[in-house]
Amino acid sequence: MSSLASWSYTAQATIWKRSGATNDYGDPLFDAPVVIAVDYQGGLSKRLGDIGGERVIKNTLWSEYALADAGDYVLIGVSDNPDPISAGADEVMQVVQYADTFERLTDDFAILTGG
């Protein structure tokens, strides 16, 4: 962890990676939850318009965790629940990579969740 990340990523989040397998109903299965160091900001969860609802960003989490992908689930806080849905986690919609501008040790990532 870079020295800047060590003072800025002081919160914890739990992430569930999709395992690639599905259950008998076609729902995705997930690997065991992993706790990662983050910082975060809340946002909007839904916008209603004349033609229906639109999914928008709910939370943005910043981390050096490089393995998050769209379709994974993430929860602000720590959970050992094997099921991200029952744990109240949000789906990862997009992950954006940023350079470690000052130390060039480990890139940073914005993990964007949808509501």
Protein backbone atom coordinates (compact mmCIF):
# COMPACT_ATOMS: atom_id res chain seq x y z
CA MET A 1 0.00 0.00 0.00
CA SER A 2 1.31 3.43 -0.87
CA SER A 3 1.95 5.87 1.99
CA LEU A 4 -0.87 8.13 0.74
CA ALA A 5 -3.33 5.24 0.59
CA SER A 6 -2.45 4.20 4.13
CA TRP A 7 -3.85 7.44 5.53
CA SER A 8 -6.74 7.88 3.08
CA TYR A 9 -8.18 4.34 2.82
CA THR A 10 -9.14 4.00 6.48
CA ALA A 11 -12.64 2.54 6.09
CA GLN A 12 -13.46 -1.08 5.36
CA ALA A 13 -15.73 -2.63 2.75
CA THR A 14 -16.62 -6.19 1.86
CA ILE A 15 -16.56 -7.41 -1.72
CA TRP A 16 -18.04 -10.58 -3.20
CA LYS A 17 -16.49 -11.67 -6.52
CA ARG A 18 -18.64 -13.64 -8.96
CA SER A 19 -17.38 -17.21 -9.07
CA GLY A 20 -18.40 -17.75 -12.69
CA ALA A 21 -20.85 -20.50 -11.71
CA THR A 22 -24.63 -20.27 -11.37
CA ASN A 23 -27.22 -22.03 -9.22
CA ASP A 24 -30.11 -24.16 -10.54
CA TYR A 25 -32.11 -20.99 -11.28
CA GLY A 26 -29.33 -19.29 -13.26
CA ASP A 27 -28.43 -16.84 -10.50
CA PRO A 28 -24.71 -16.11 -10.10
CA LEU A 29 -22.72 -17.71 -7.29
CA PHE A 30 -20.07 -15.75 -5.40
CA ASP A 31 -16.70 -16.43 -3.83
CA ALA A 32 -16.27 -15.93 -0.08
CA PRO A 33 -16.42 -12.26 0.98
CA VAL A 34 -13.16 -10.32 1.15
CA VAL A 35 -12.61 -7.22 3.32
CA ILE A 36 -10.74 -4.37 1.61
CA ALA A 37 -9.47 -0.94 2.67
CA VAL A 38 -11.46 1.93 1.11
CA ASP A 39 -12.68 5.46 1.31
CA TYR A 40 -16.17 6.21 -0.02
CA GLN A 41 -18.80 8.75 -0.96
CA GLY A 42 -22.55 8.28 -1.21
CA GLY A 43 -24.66 9.34 -4.17
CA LEU A 44 -28.10 8.96 -5.71
CA SER A 45 -29.71 5.57 -6.19
CA LYS A 46 -32.52 6.11 -8.71
CA ARG A 47 -33.84 8.78 -11.02
CA LEU A 48 -37.44 8.70 -12.16
CA GLY A 49 -38.36 10.30 -15.46
CA ASP A 50 -41.31 10.46 -17.82
CA ILE A 51 -40.46 7.11 -19.40
CA GLY A 52 -39.47 5.15 -16.29
CA GLY A 53 -36.60 4.64 -13.88
CA GLU A 54 -32.92 4.88 -14.61
CA ARG A 55 -30.09 3.29 -12.64
CA VAL A 56 -27.53 5.78 -11.47
CA ILE A 57 -24.47 5.66 -9.23
CA LYS A 58 -25.29 4.94 -5.60
CA ASN A 59 -21.83 4.85 -3.99
CA THR A 60 -18.27 5.42 -5.10
CA LEU A 61 -15.54 3.55 -3.23
CA TRP A 62 -11.86 4.32 -3.74
CA SER A 63 -9.34 1.57 -3.08
CA GLU A 64 -6.12 -0.04 -4.21
CA TYR A 65 -8.07 -3.30 -4.63
CA ALA A 66 -7.50 -4.20 -8.30
CA LEU A 67 -9.78 -7.24 -8.70
CA ALA A 68 -13.25 -5.64 -8.64
CA ASP A 69 -15.36 -6.12 -11.78
CA ALA A 70 -18.83 -5.13 -12.95
CA GLY A 71 -21.30 -7.67 -11.58
CA ASP A 72 -19.47 -8.17 -8.27
CA TYR A 73 -21.13 -6.92 -5.09
CA VAL A 74 -19.73 -4.57 -2.44
CA LEU A 75 -20.89 -3.41 0.98
CA ILE A 76 -19.53 -0.52 3.01
CA GLY A 77 -18.49 -2.16 6.26
CA VAL A 78 -17.48 -5.69 7.23
CA SER A 79 -19.63 -8.76 6.61
CA ASP A 80 -18.98 -12.49 6.72
CA ASN A 81 -22.36 -13.30 5.15
CA PRO A 82 -21.73 -15.60 2.14
CA ASP A 83 -24.73 -14.08 0.29
CA PRO A 84 -24.13 -10.47 -0.85
CA ILE A 85 -27.82 -9.85 -1.55
CA SER A 86 -28.98 -10.79 1.97
CA ALA A 87 -26.02 -8.81 3.38
CA GLY A 88 -27.40 -5.68 1.68
CA ALA A 89 -24.51 -5.23 -0.75
CA ASP A 90 -24.77 -3.16 -3.94
CA GLU A 91 -23.84 -4.33 -7.42
CA VAL A 92 -20.62 -2.99 -8.92
CA MET A 93 -21.55 -1.16 -12.12
CA GLN A 94 -18.13 0.07 -13.24
CA VAL A 95 -14.51 0.18 -12.09
CA VAL A 96 -12.21 3.05 -13.09
CA GLN A 97 -8.42 2.79 -12.74
CA TYR A 98 -6.29 5.79 -11.70
CA ALA A 99 -2.51 6.14 -11.60
CA ASP A 100 -0.61 6.37 -8.34
CA THR A 101 0.56 9.85 -9.30
CA PHE A 102 2.99 10.46 -6.43
CA GLU A 103 4.73 7.17 -5.63
CA ARG A 104 3.99 4.92 -8.65
CA LEU A 105 3.60 1.90 -6.35
CA THR A 106 -0.01 0.76 -6.64
CA ASP A 107 -2.79 2.18 -8.84
CA ASP A 108 -6.03 3.37 -7.29
CA PHE A 109 -9.52 2.29 -8.35
CA ALA A 110 -12.96 3.89 -8.15
CA ILE A 111 -15.58 1.18 -7.63
CA LEU A 112 -18.98 2.55 -8.70
CA THR A 113 -22.14 0.85 -7.45
CA GLY A 114 -25.66 1.09 -8.80
CA GLY A 115 -28.84 1.39 -6.85
